[in-house]
Protein backbone atom coordinates (compact mmCIF):
# COMPACT_ATOMS: atom_id res chain seq x y z
CA UNK A 1 -2.25 21.72 15.55
CA UNK A 2 -4.99 23.50 13.62
CA UNK A 3 -6.99 20.39 12.87
CA UNK A 4 -10.55 20.11 14.10
CA UNK A 5 -11.35 16.58 15.19
CA UNK A 6 -14.87 15.55 14.27
CA UNK A 7 -16.67 13.14 16.57
CA UNK A 8 -19.34 11.05 14.95
CA UNK A 9 -22.39 11.32 17.14
CA UNK A 10 -26.05 12.04 16.88
CA UNK A 11 -25.64 15.45 18.55
CA UNK A 12 -24.40 17.17 15.42
CA UNK A 13 -25.97 20.50 14.35
CA UNK A 14 -27.85 18.85 11.51
CA UNK A 15 -29.33 16.18 13.74
CA UNK A 16 -30.30 18.70 16.43
CA UNK A 17 -32.17 20.87 13.95
CA UNK A 18 -34.00 17.86 12.63
CA UNK A 19 -34.95 16.72 16.09
CA UNK A 20 -36.45 20.11 16.86
CA UNK A 21 -38.86 19.83 13.95
CA UNK A 22 -39.59 16.13 14.49
CA UNK A 23 -39.11 15.42 18.19
CA UNK A 24 -40.18 11.76 17.91
CA UNK A 25 -38.82 10.15 14.72
CA UNK A 26 -40.11 6.75 13.75
CA UNK A 27 -37.40 4.20 14.71
CA UNK A 28 -38.85 1.57 12.37
CA UNK A 29 -38.51 3.89 9.37
CA UNK A 30 -34.93 4.83 10.32
CA UNK A 31 -33.96 1.18 10.75
CA UNK A 32 -35.48 0.26 7.41
CA UNK A 33 -33.55 3.07 5.72
CA UNK A 34 -30.30 1.84 7.26
CA UNK A 35 -30.92 -1.71 6.04
CA UNK A 36 -31.94 -0.67 2.53
CA UNK A 37 -28.95 -1.41 0.23
CA UNK A 38 -30.06 1.20 -2.30
CA UNK A 39 -30.22 3.86 0.40
CA UNK A 40 -26.77 2.96 1.77
CA UNK A 41 -25.31 2.87 -1.76
CA UNK A 42 -26.71 6.29 -2.59
CA UNK A 43 -25.49 7.68 0.73
CA UNK A 44 -21.98 6.40 -0.03
CA UNK A 45 -22.06 7.87 -3.54
CA UNK A 46 -23.31 11.23 -2.25
CA UNK A 47 -20.61 11.29 0.40
CA UNK A 48 -17.90 10.50 -2.16
CA UNK A 49 -19.15 13.16 -4.58
CA UNK A 50 -19.16 15.74 -1.81
CA UNK A 51 -15.57 14.88 -0.84
CA UNK A 52 -14.39 15.01 -4.47
CA UNK A 53 -15.99 18.41 -5.04
CA UNK A 54 -14.38 19.68 -1.85
CA UNK A 55 -11.02 18.37 -3.03
CA UNK A 56 -11.52 20.03 -6.41
CA UNK A 57 -12.09 23.39 -4.76
CA UNK A 58 -8.96 22.91 -2.63
CA UNK A 59 -6.87 22.20 -5.71
CA UNK A 60 -8.36 25.16 -7.57
CA UNK A 61 -7.43 27.49 -4.73
CA UNK A 62 -3.95 25.97 -4.38
CA UNK A 63 -3.11 26.17 -8.10
CA UNK A 64 -5.27 28.79 -9.87
CA UNK A 65 -3.63 28.04 -13.25
CA UNK A 66 -3.37 24.24 -13.56
CA UNK A 67 -0.77 22.91 -15.97
CA UNK A 68 -3.09 20.14 -17.21
CA UNK A 69 -6.63 20.08 -18.50
CA UNK A 70 -7.61 17.32 -16.06
CA UNK A 71 -10.48 18.22 -13.73
CA UNK A 72 -11.24 16.35 -10.54
CA UNK A 73 -14.85 17.47 -10.55
CA UNK A 74 -15.49 15.29 -13.60
CA UNK A 75 -14.84 12.18 -11.47
CA UNK A 76 -17.76 13.08 -9.21
CA UNK A 77 -20.25 12.39 -12.01
CA UNK A 78 -19.41 8.67 -12.30
CA UNK A 79 -21.49 5.89 -10.77
CA UNK A 80 -18.62 5.02 -8.42
CA UNK A 81 -16.87 8.33 -7.76
CA UNK A 82 -14.59 7.08 -4.97
CA UNK A 83 -13.23 4.21 -7.07
CA UNK A 84 -12.90 6.53 -10.07
CA UNK A 85 -10.69 8.84 -8.01
CA UNK A 86 -8.73 5.88 -6.65
CA UNK A 87 -8.00 4.46 -10.12
CA UNK A 88 -7.20 7.77 -11.82
CA UNK A 89 -3.45 8.20 -12.50
CA UNK A 90 -4.00 11.87 -13.35
CA UNK A 91 -5.58 12.51 -9.96
CA UNK A 92 -2.78 10.66 -8.19
CA UNK A 93 -0.14 12.68 -10.05
CA UNK A 94 -1.93 15.94 -9.27
CA UNK A 95 -2.29 15.24 -5.56
CA UNK A 96 1.26 13.89 -5.33
CA UNK A 97 2.64 17.15 -6.67
CA UNK A 98 0.71 19.09 -4.01
CA UNK A 99 1.88 16.78 -1.22
CA UNK A 100 5.48 17.21 -2.41
CA UNK A 101 5.44 21.00 -2.11
CA UNK A 102 7.93 22.39 0.44
CA UNK A 103 5.09 24.03 2.38
CA UNK A 104 2.96 20.88 2.62
CA UNK A 105 2.33 18.92 5.79
CA UNK A 106 1.63 21.79 8.16
CA UNK A 107 -1.39 22.02 10.42
CA UNK A 108 -3.02 24.52 8.07
CA UNK A 109 -2.46 22.42 4.94
CA UNK A 110 -5.92 22.02 3.35
CA UNK A 111 -4.96 18.82 1.55
CA UNK A 112 -3.89 17.14 4.80
CA UNK A 113 -7.11 18.40 6.37
CA UNK A 114 -9.04 16.80 3.50
CA UNK A 115 -7.21 13.48 3.91
CA UNK A 116 -7.87 13.51 7.64
CA UNK A 117 -11.57 14.37 7.31
CA UNK A 118 -12.01 11.80 4.54
CA UNK A 119 -10.48 8.97 6.53
CA UNK A 120 -12.53 9.51 9.68
CA UNK A 121 -15.76 9.23 7.66
CA UNK A 122 -15.33 5.44 7.93
CA UNK A 123 -16.33 4.88 4.30
CA UNK A 124 -14.33 1.92 2.97
CA UNK A 125 -13.89 3.27 -0.57
CA UNK A 126 -12.87 6.73 0.64
CA UNK A 127 -10.39 5.20 3.06
CA UNK A 128 -8.72 3.39 0.17
CA UNK A 129 -8.00 6.78 -1.40
CA UNK A 130 -6.23 7.99 1.74
CA UNK A 131 -4.31 4.72 2.12
CA UNK A 132 -3.07 4.91 -1.47
CA UNK A 133 -1.19 8.10 -0.56
CA UNK A 134 0.31 6.67 2.64
CA UNK A 135 3.65 5.61 1.02
CA UNK A 136 4.23 9.07 -0.45
CA UNK A 137 3.07 10.88 2.67
CA UNK A 138 5.26 8.71 4.92
CA UNK A 139 8.28 9.12 2.66
CA UNK A 140 8.02 12.92 2.63
CA UNK A 141 7.40 12.97 6.38
CA UNK A 142 10.39 10.74 7.18
CA UNK A 143 12.64 12.62 4.75
CA UNK A 144 11.90 15.90 6.53
CA UNK A 145 12.19 14.39 10.00
CA UNK A 146 15.62 12.90 9.23
CA UNK A 147 16.82 15.87 7.21
CA UNK A 148 20.14 17.43 8.16
CA UNK A 149 18.63 20.91 7.98
CA UNK A 150 16.58 20.59 11.16
CA UNK A 151 16.29 24.36 11.60
CA UNK A 152 14.37 24.83 8.35
CA UNK A 153 11.89 21.96 8.82
CA UNK A 154 8.31 23.29 8.71
CA UNK A 155 5.53 22.03 10.92
CA UNK A 156 4.57 18.44 10.12
CA UNK A 157 1.38 18.30 12.20
CA UNK A 158 -0.73 17.87 9.06
CA UNK A 159 1.10 14.70 8.04
CA UNK A 160 1.05 13.45 11.62
CA UNK A 161 -2.71 13.99 11.90
CA UNK A 162 -3.35 11.75 8.88
CA UNK A 163 -0.97 9.08 10.19
CA UNK A 164 -2.59 9.20 13.64
CA UNK A 165 -6.06 8.86 12.10
CA UNK A 166 -4.98 5.63 10.39
CA UNK A 167 -3.24 4.43 13.56
CA UNK A 168 -6.28 5.15 15.75
CA UNK A 169 -8.59 3.29 13.38
CA UNK A 170 -6.31 0.25 13.41
CA UNK A 171 -6.01 0.37 17.21
CA UNK A 172 -9.80 0.50 17.51
CA UNK A 173 -10.24 -2.50 15.22
CA UNK A 174 -7.83 -4.58 17.33
CA UNK A 175 -9.77 -3.76 20.51
CA UNK A 176 -6.69 -3.79 22.72
CA UNK A 177 -5.65 -7.32 21.70
CA UNK A 178 -2.27 -8.35 20.27
CA UNK A 179 -1.79 -9.92 16.86
CA UNK A 180 -0.91 -13.58 17.40
CA UNK A 181 0.16 -16.43 15.12
CA UNK A 182 -0.03 -20.14 15.90
CA UNK A 183 3.30 -21.89 15.30
CA UNK A 184 2.83 -25.61 14.55
CA UNK A 185 4.57 -28.19 16.73
CA UNK A 186 7.15 -29.80 14.43
CA UNK A 187 7.72 -32.65 16.89
CA UNK A 188 4.38 -34.16 15.86
CA UNK A 189 4.47 -36.79 13.07
CA UNK A 190 2.12 -34.78 10.86
CA UNK A 191 0.68 -31.31 10.75
CA UNK A 192 -2.60 -32.44 9.19
CA UNK A 193 -3.31 -35.95 10.57
CA UNK A 194 -3.60 -37.45 14.02
CA UNK A 195 -0.95 -40.06 14.84
CA UNK A 196 -2.03 -43.71 14.78
CA UNK A 197 -0.46 -44.29 18.18
CA UNK A 198 -1.70 -41.65 20.61
CA UNK A 199 0.97 -39.80 22.49
CA UNK A 200 0.72 -40.49 26.21
CA UNK A 201 0.70 -37.50 28.52
CA UNK A 202 3.40 -35.74 26.53
CA UNK A 203 1.33 -33.14 24.85
CA UNK A 204 3.26 -30.00 24.18
CA UNK A 205 1.43 -26.72 24.33
CA UNK A 206 0.96 -24.92 21.02
CA UNK A 207 3.54 -22.26 20.45
CA UNK A 208 2.18 -18.78 19.93
CA UNK A 209 4.09 -15.94 18.32
CA UNK A 210 3.28 -12.28 18.86
CA UNK A 211 3.28 -10.29 15.63
CA UNK A 212 2.25 -7.05 17.30
CA UNK A 213 1.71 -6.09 20.93
CA UNK A 214 -1.53 -4.38 22.04
CA UNK A 215 -1.66 -0.85 20.73
CA UNK A 216 -1.65 2.14 23.02
CA UNK A 217 -3.69 5.28 22.31
CA UNK A 218 -1.64 8.21 21.06
CA UNK A 219 -2.63 11.82 20.51
CA UNK A 220 0.75 12.90 19.13
CA UNK A 221 3.64 11.35 17.21
CA UNK A 222 6.55 11.29 19.63
CA UNK A 223 10.03 10.48 18.39
CA UNK A 224 10.19 7.36 20.57
CA UNK A 225 6.89 6.03 19.18
CA UNK A 226 7.24 7.18 15.57
CA UNK A 227 8.41 3.82 14.21
CA UNK A 228 5.63 1.81 15.86
CA UNK A 229 2.93 4.29 14.79
CA UNK A 230 4.08 4.23 11.18
CA UNK A 231 4.41 0.45 11.31
CA UNK A 232 0.81 0.16 12.48
CA UNK A 233 -0.29 2.47 9.67
CA UNK A 234 1.53 0.19 7.22
CA UNK A 235 -0.37 -2.76 8.72
CA UNK A 236 -3.60 -1.01 7.74
CA UNK A 237 -2.13 -0.44 4.27
CA UNK A 238 -1.29 -4.14 4.00
CA UNK A 239 -4.85 -5.15 4.95
CA UNK A 240 -6.25 -3.46 1.85
CA UNK A 241 -3.25 -3.77 -0.45
CA UNK A 242 -5.07 -5.99 -2.96
CA UNK A 243 -7.53 -3.13 -3.60
CA UNK A 244 -4.92 -0.42 -4.02
CA UNK A 245 -3.64 0.76 -7.43
CA UNK A 246 -0.34 -0.49 -8.75
CA UNK A 247 1.34 2.92 -8.81
CA UNK A 248 0.90 3.20 -5.04
CA UNK A 249 2.70 -0.15 -4.62
CA UNK A 250 5.48 0.93 -6.99
CA UNK A 251 5.94 4.12 -4.96
CA UNK A 252 6.17 2.08 -1.77
CA UNK A 253 8.86 -0.15 -3.28
CA UNK A 254 10.86 2.90 -4.40
CA UNK A 255 10.74 4.46 -0.96
CA UNK A 256 11.61 1.18 0.77
CA UNK A 257 14.67 1.02 -1.49
CA UNK A 258 15.64 4.51 -0.42
CA UNK A 259 15.06 3.79 3.27
CA UNK A 260 17.55 0.90 3.04
CA UNK A 261 20.36 3.26 2.07
CA UNK A 262 23.32 3.12 -0.28
CA UNK A 263 23.90 0.50 -2.95
CA UNK A 264 26.07 -2.45 -1.85
CA UNK A 265 27.34 -5.63 -3.48
CA UNK A 266 25.78 -7.63 -0.63
CA UNK A 267 22.41 -7.35 -2.33
CA UNK A 268 23.60 -9.66 -5.14
CA UNK A 269 25.13 -12.30 -2.87
CA UNK A 270 22.16 -14.64 -3.17
CA UNK A 271 21.70 -14.40 -6.95
CA UNK A 272 22.40 -17.47 -9.09
CA UNK A 273 25.91 -17.62 -10.58
CA UNK A 274 26.55 -14.01 -9.69
CA UNK A 275 23.92 -12.81 -12.14
CA UNK A 276 22.80 -9.27 -11.49
CA UNK A 277 19.41 -8.34 -12.85
CA UNK A 278 19.03 -5.36 -10.55
CA UNK A 279 20.57 -2.88 -12.96
CA UNK A 280 17.74 -3.47 -15.41
CA UNK A 281 15.18 -3.13 -12.62
CA UNK A 282 16.77 0.10 -11.42
CA UNK A 283 16.63 1.58 -14.91
CA UNK A 284 12.97 0.65 -15.27
CA UNK A 285 12.01 2.16 -11.92
CA UNK A 286 14.08 5.31 -12.28
CA UNK A 287 16.24 4.55 -9.25
CA UNK A 288 19.79 5.81 -9.28
CA UNK A 289 22.69 3.46 -8.65
CA UNK A 290 23.84 5.36 -5.57
CA UNK A 291 20.62 4.52 -3.76
CA UNK A 292 19.10 7.97 -3.95
CA UNK A 293 15.40 8.01 -4.70
CA UNK A 294 13.18 11.04 -5.05
CA UNK A 295 11.75 12.06 -1.67
CA UNK A 296 13.51 9.17 0.07
CA UNK A 297 16.42 9.11 2.53
CA UNK A 298 18.20 6.46 4.56
CA UNK A 299 16.41 6.08 7.89
CA UNK A 300 16.67 3.89 11.01
CA UNK A 301 14.85 0.58 10.54
CA UNK A 302 13.66 -0.81 13.89
CA UNK A 303 11.85 -4.14 13.71
CA UNK A 304 8.40 -2.72 14.53
CA UNK A 305 8.75 -0.56 11.41
CA UNK A 306 10.56 -3.06 9.17
CA UNK A 307 8.25 -6.02 9.81
CA UNK A 308 5.15 -4.51 8.13
CA UNK A 309 7.37 -3.14 5.37
CA UNK A 310 8.58 -6.68 4.58
CA UNK A 311 5.00 -7.94 4.72
CA UNK A 312 3.97 -5.40 2.08
CA UNK A 313 7.00 -6.19 -0.06
CA UNK A 314 6.15 -9.88 0.18
CA UNK A 315 2.74 -9.20 -1.34
CA UNK A 316 4.25 -6.99 -4.04
CA UNK A 317 6.81 -9.68 -4.83
CA UNK A 318 4.59 -12.76 -4.87
CA UNK A 319 1.06 -11.47 -5.52
CA UNK A 320 -0.23 -13.26 -8.64
CA UNK A 321 -2.21 -10.25 -9.87
CA UNK A 322 0.62 -7.73 -9.48
CA UNK A 323 2.18 -6.20 -12.55
CA UNK A 324 5.78 -6.94 -13.48
CA UNK A 325 6.75 -3.39 -12.54
CA UNK A 326 5.52 -3.94 -8.99
CA UNK A 327 7.39 -7.25 -8.72
CA UNK A 328 10.61 -5.74 -10.06
CA UNK A 329 10.37 -2.84 -7.63
CA UNK A 330 9.86 -5.22 -4.72
CA UNK A 331 12.82 -7.33 -5.87
CA UNK A 332 15.11 -4.30 -5.72
CA UNK A 333 13.78 -3.18 -2.33
CA UNK A 334 14.14 -6.62 -0.74
CA UNK A 335 17.75 -6.98 -1.91
CA UNK A 336 18.65 -3.50 -0.65
CA UNK A 337 17.05 -4.27 2.70
CA UNK A 338 18.98 -7.55 2.86
CA UNK A 339 22.24 -5.65 2.37
CA UNK A 340 21.21 -3.17 5.06
CA UNK A 341 20.26 -5.96 7.49
CA UNK A 342 23.58 -7.73 6.82
CA UNK A 343 25.50 -4.58 7.75
CA UNK A 344 23.31 -3.84 10.79
CA UNK A 345 23.41 -7.51 11.91
CA UNK A 346 19.66 -7.80 12.55
CA UNK A 347 18.79 -11.53 12.61
CA UNK A 348 15.05 -11.13 11.99
CA UNK A 349 15.60 -8.80 9.06
CA UNK A 350 18.29 -11.05 7.55
CA UNK A 351 16.03 -14.10 7.78
CA UNK A 352 12.99 -12.27 6.38
CA UNK A 353 14.72 -10.62 3.44
CA UNK A 354 16.74 -13.74 2.65
CA UNK A 355 13.55 -15.83 2.50
CA UNK A 356 11.88 -13.32 0.19
CA UNK A 357 14.90 -13.30 -2.13
CA UNK A 358 14.85 -17.10 -2.38
CA UNK A 359 11.11 -17.08 -3.13
CA UNK A 360 11.62 -14.39 -5.76
CA UNK A 361 14.38 -16.37 -7.47
CA UNK A 362 12.22 -19.49 -7.49
CA UNK A 363 9.27 -17.60 -8.98
CA UNK A 364 11.42 -16.05 -11.69
CA UNK A 365 13.07 -19.37 -12.54
CA UNK A 366 9.66 -21.04 -12.81
CA UNK A 367 8.30 -18.25 -14.99
CA UNK A 368 11.36 -18.43 -17.24
CA UNK A 369 11.07 -22.22 -17.60
CA UNK A 370 7.36 -21.95 -18.42
CA UNK A 371 8.07 -19.29 -21.04
CA UNK A 372 10.78 -21.43 -22.65
CA UNK A 373 8.59 -24.53 -22.74
CA UNK A 374 5.71 -22.52 -24.19
CA UNK A 375 7.92 -21.10 -26.94
CA UNK A 376 9.24 -24.59 -27.76
CA UNK A 377 5.71 -25.95 -27.90
CA UNK A 378 4.65 -23.19 -30.26
CA UNK A 379 7.67 -23.79 -32.49
CA UNK A 380 7.03 -27.54 -32.69
CA UNK A 381 3.34 -27.05 -33.39
CA UNK A 382 4.14 -24.65 -36.21
CA UNK A 383 6.65 -27.08 -37.77
CA UNK A 384 4.23 -30.03 -37.62
CA UNK A 385 1.29 -28.14 -39.06
CA UNK A 386 0.77 -29.27 -42.68
CA UNK A 387 0.61 -26.52 -45.23
CA UNK A 388 -1.61 -26.73 -48.27
CA UNK A 389 0.09 -26.45 -51.64
CA UNK A 390 -0.99 -23.45 -53.60
CA UNK A 391 -2.82 -24.11 -56.81
CA UNK A 392 -1.13 -22.80 -59.94
CA UNK A 393 -2.54 -19.55 -61.13
CA UNK A 394 -4.43 -19.75 -64.41
CA UNK A 395 -4.34 -16.62 -66.48
CA UNK A 396 -7.21 -16.18 -68.90
CA UNK A 397 -6.14 -14.41 -72.04
CA UNK A 398 -8.81 -13.13 -74.38
CA UNK A 399 -8.20 -13.73 -78.05
């Protein structure tokens, strides 16, 4: 792989040259500069502007004659350049087209190099930019890995380097510990109050569920570890999903629909009275009826990969601040995954997708009832509002 891994240390060339001119820097001054919020804000802004200008030069060299008048360098002049790039649909469309090129994803791909270098800077706003492209990058990567034309697949080390950077950061944050969840003891009379009569010597130990085992360090994406590495990267995506733009969530829902596979009537089994609202959702999202989605293919869905996918879809489905497009996309994806789990006979996946479908139906029924009651209230208020009689018009005629 042609990537150069940068280690963050004080022995960089810039720091060594500075130390030669000032062999004994004042530690008090350096500590004060680190604690100054204005200094840290300006350092973050300068770092973001530098990364955006670097990205602009990469795009200029990749496409000398751009089809649009949009310029990435203009985003570097804002007060919050990283968030401006994150919230720009034109920038997302431009970078998506470059990531979708047939030659993308190799070790010499400058855009993958930029994503990798940007993520390891450990700047929270810059990391959001890289995470917003994770659904598209993962979909293209998985589509090429599971392509039938294995002989013509180019090198994917560029994509894998970005995925490994996200995985390594998540593994470092967990510090070798598993993700656990406390399961309440349902044999107790109440979950929130102590019983009036104390239980004598029959105290059951709290049940603990393991969401994710301790993460192992990886320096390459092996086929046997690909699902768990991508699942961990999706966990990092889910951590910051409330800060990500809506089009990134819509893309994720589209690709999850494609990963589930072909359309099947099983996806409508849990709808009320056989109603099928998915056709309307599919038309809105641009998803074909045969299950084919752009850049997406049917892939194996092991539980370590599917569990974080369902967690993300749960947020897209039930998040109160999500747009209706995001919720509709998640509704389609969850029903397709339910059909896939029913055919594959995976109990965890059936239970998870079935629960999300029931919650989605309840939310939509509540929203529909609230809309009907609001319209009835408006109609009754309009009918009861007294109207003033118009005064007769008096025409003055001059004699």
